[in-house]
Amino acid sequence: MSEQEQKDGREPRKRVTGVVVSDKANKTIGVRADRRVKHPRYGKYINRHTVYKAHDEREEASMGDTVEIIASRPLSKTKHWRLTKVVKSRSVE
């Protein structure tokens, strides 16, 4: 796959790892990706997050799972990511 990406001159697609915060929609999950950014003036590190809507064709991810998503073509108005794999499942107790 990497050879094909190098042939046509495109960069590799962006990958994000996060936690599933919503799985109520049909074949769609909400993935929260946390990051730390440095405040431009004061230098303190601040926790920020982004919620991405991702396509889950087989509906294999559930709330609390850690997943990896990859950028894709626009699938709907707000959905531009696809689920690639479930990294860690939340243990049901």
C-alpha atoms as a PDB file:
ATOM      1  CA  MET A   1       0.000   0.000   0.000  1.00  0.00           C
ATOM      2  CA  SER A   2       2.831   2.402   0.734  1.00  0.00           C
ATOM      3  CA  GLU A   3       4.326   1.751  -2.715  1.00  0.00           C
ATOM      4  CA  GLN A   4       1.054   2.739  -4.357  1.00  0.00           C
ATOM      5  CA  GLU A   5       0.877   5.962  -2.329  1.00  0.00           C
ATOM      6  CA  GLN A   6       4.415   6.879  -3.368  1.00  0.00           C
ATOM      7  CA  LYS A   7       3.726   6.212  -7.064  1.00  0.00           C
ATOM      8  CA  ASP A   8       0.839   8.642  -7.381  1.00  0.00           C
ATOM      9  CA  GLY A   9       2.585  11.311  -5.307  1.00  0.00           C
ATOM     10  CA  ARG A  10       0.026  11.502  -2.512  1.00  0.00           C
ATOM     11  CA  GLU A  11       0.953  11.729   1.137  1.00  0.00           C
ATOM     12  CA  PRO A  12      -0.169   8.968   3.519  1.00  0.00           C
ATOM     13  CA  ARG A  13      -3.613   9.478   5.040  1.00  0.00           C
ATOM     14  CA  LYS A  14      -3.880  10.925   8.537  1.00  0.00           C
ATOM     15  CA  ARG A  15      -4.437   8.451  11.357  1.00  0.00           C
ATOM     16  CA  VAL A  16      -5.908   9.310  14.750  1.00  0.00           C
ATOM     17  CA  THR A  17      -6.291   7.187  17.875  1.00  0.00           C
ATOM     18  CA  GLY A  18      -9.077   7.991  20.325  1.00  0.00           C
ATOM     19  CA  VAL A  19     -11.906   6.728  22.515  1.00  0.00           C
ATOM     20  CA  VAL A  20     -15.441   6.055  21.265  1.00  0.00           C
ATOM     21  CA  VAL A  21     -17.833   8.483  22.981  1.00  0.00           C
ATOM     22  CA  SER A  22     -20.923   7.833  20.829  1.00  0.00           C
ATOM     23  CA  ASP A  23     -22.213   4.779  18.969  1.00  0.00           C
ATOM     24  CA  LYS A  24     -25.925   5.556  18.783  1.00  0.00           C
ATOM     25  CA  ALA A  25     -26.109   6.419  15.091  1.00  0.00           C
ATOM     26  CA  ASN A  26     -26.361   3.717  12.433  1.00  0.00           C
ATOM     27  CA  LYS A  27     -22.843   2.779  11.163  1.00  0.00           C
ATOM     28  CA  THR A  28     -21.373   5.938  12.724  1.00  0.00           C
ATOM     29  CA  ILE A  29     -19.241   6.436  15.823  1.00  0.00           C
ATOM     30  CA  GLY A  30     -17.964   9.547  17.572  1.00  0.00           C
ATOM     31  CA  VAL A  31     -14.270   9.325  18.454  1.00  0.00           C
ATOM     32  CA  ARG A  32     -12.726  11.721  20.971  1.00  0.00           C
ATOM     33  CA  ALA A  33      -9.058  12.461  20.333  1.00  0.00           C
ATOM     34  CA  ASP A  34      -7.226  14.180  23.200  1.00  0.00           C
ATOM     35  CA  ARG A  35      -4.117  16.309  22.750  1.00  0.00           C
ATOM     36  CA  ARG A  36      -1.966  18.669  24.819  1.00  0.00           C
ATOM     37  CA  VAL A  37      -1.132  22.119  23.474  1.00  0.00           C
ATOM     38  CA  LYS A  38       1.109  24.778  24.908  1.00  0.00           C
ATOM     39  CA  HIS A  39      -0.520  28.138  25.650  1.00  0.00           C
ATOM     40  CA  PRO A  40       1.063  30.725  23.347  1.00  0.00           C
ATOM     41  CA  ARG A  41       1.576  33.399  25.991  1.00  0.00           C
ATOM     42  CA  TYR A  42       1.835  31.623  29.355  1.00  0.00           C
ATOM     43  CA  GLY A  43       3.501  28.371  28.317  1.00  0.00           C
ATOM     44  CA  LYS A  44       1.193  26.153  30.366  1.00  0.00           C
ATOM     45  CA  TYR A  45       0.107  22.905  28.718  1.00  0.00           C
ATOM     46  CA  ILE A  46      -3.658  22.656  28.201  1.00  0.00           C
ATOM     47  CA  ASN A  47      -5.728  19.545  27.455  1.00  0.00           C
ATOM     48  CA  ARG A  48      -7.837  19.904  24.290  1.00  0.00           C
ATOM     49  CA  HIS A  49     -10.008  17.406  22.459  1.00  0.00           C
ATOM     50  CA  THR A  50     -11.758  16.952  19.131  1.00  0.00           C
ATOM     51  CA  VAL A  51     -14.700  14.629  18.409  1.00  0.00           C
ATOM     52  CA  TYR A  52     -14.499  13.044  14.952  1.00  0.00           C
ATOM     53  CA  LYS A  53     -17.448  11.292  13.274  1.00  0.00           C
ATOM     54  CA  ALA A  54     -16.203   8.035  11.742  1.00  0.00           C
ATOM     55  CA  HIS A  55     -17.791   5.365   9.542  1.00  0.00           C
ATOM     56  CA  ASP A  56     -18.069   1.950  11.211  1.00  0.00           C
ATOM     57  CA  GLU A  57     -19.364  -0.372   8.482  1.00  0.00           C
ATOM     58  CA  ARG A  58     -19.596  -3.548  10.604  1.00  0.00           C
ATOM     59  CA  GLU A  59     -20.555  -1.715  13.821  1.00  0.00           C
ATOM     60  CA  GLU A  60     -17.752  -3.434  15.733  1.00  0.00           C
ATOM     61  CA  ALA A  61     -16.807  -0.514  18.020  1.00  0.00           C
ATOM     62  CA  SER A  62     -18.763   0.302  21.163  1.00  0.00           C
ATOM     63  CA  MET A  63     -18.677   2.972  23.867  1.00  0.00           C
ATOM     64  CA  GLY A  64     -15.351   3.227  25.671  1.00  0.00           C
ATOM     65  CA  ASP A  65     -13.294   1.306  23.093  1.00  0.00           C
ATOM     66  CA  THR A  66      -9.961   2.719  21.987  1.00  0.00           C
ATOM     67  CA  VAL A  67      -9.955   2.827  18.182  1.00  0.00           C
ATOM     68  CA  GLU A  68      -7.816   3.980  15.271  1.00  0.00           C
ATOM     69  CA  ILE A  69      -9.441   5.972  12.467  1.00  0.00           C
ATOM     70  CA  ILE A  70      -8.109   7.122   9.102  1.00  0.00           C
ATOM     71  CA  ALA A  71      -9.040  10.119   6.966  1.00  0.00           C
ATOM     72  CA  SER A  72     -11.220   9.361   3.942  1.00  0.00           C
ATOM     73  CA  ARG A  73     -13.336  11.103   1.342  1.00  0.00           C
ATOM     74  CA  PRO A  74     -16.426  12.906   2.678  1.00  0.00           C
ATOM     75  CA  LEU A  75     -19.090  10.299   3.471  1.00  0.00           C
ATOM     76  CA  SER A  76     -21.694  12.802   4.696  1.00  0.00           C
ATOM     77  CA  LYS A  77     -21.923  16.391   5.878  1.00  0.00           C
ATOM     78  CA  THR A  78     -19.854  15.765   9.021  1.00  0.00           C
ATOM     79  CA  LYS A  79     -18.321  12.312   8.472  1.00  0.00           C
ATOM     80  CA  HIS A  80     -14.829  12.289   6.893  1.00  0.00           C
ATOM     81  CA  TRP A  81     -13.127   9.408   8.742  1.00  0.00           C
ATOM     82  CA  ARG A  82     -13.254   5.577   8.632  1.00  0.00           C
ATOM     83  CA  LEU A  83     -12.653   3.039  11.387  1.00  0.00           C
ATOM     84  CA  THR A  84      -9.526   0.974  10.680  1.00  0.00           C
ATOM     85  CA  LYS A  85      -9.248  -1.126  13.835  1.00  0.00           C
ATOM     86  CA  VAL A  86     -10.291  -1.481  17.449  1.00  0.00           C
ATOM     87  CA  VAL A  87      -7.065  -1.112  19.425  1.00  0.00           C
ATOM     88  CA  LYS A  88      -8.472  -2.005  22.841  1.00  0.00           C
ATOM     89  CA  SER A  89     -11.992  -3.083  23.806  1.00  0.00           C
ATOM     90  CA  ARG A  90     -13.540  -1.826  26.991  1.00  0.00           C
ATOM     91  CA  SER A  91     -14.000  -4.736  29.392  1.00  0.00           C
ATOM     92  CA  VAL A  92     -17.653  -5.228  30.327  1.00  0.00           C
ATOM     93  CA  GLU A  93     -18.095  -5.823  34.035  1.00  0.00           C
END
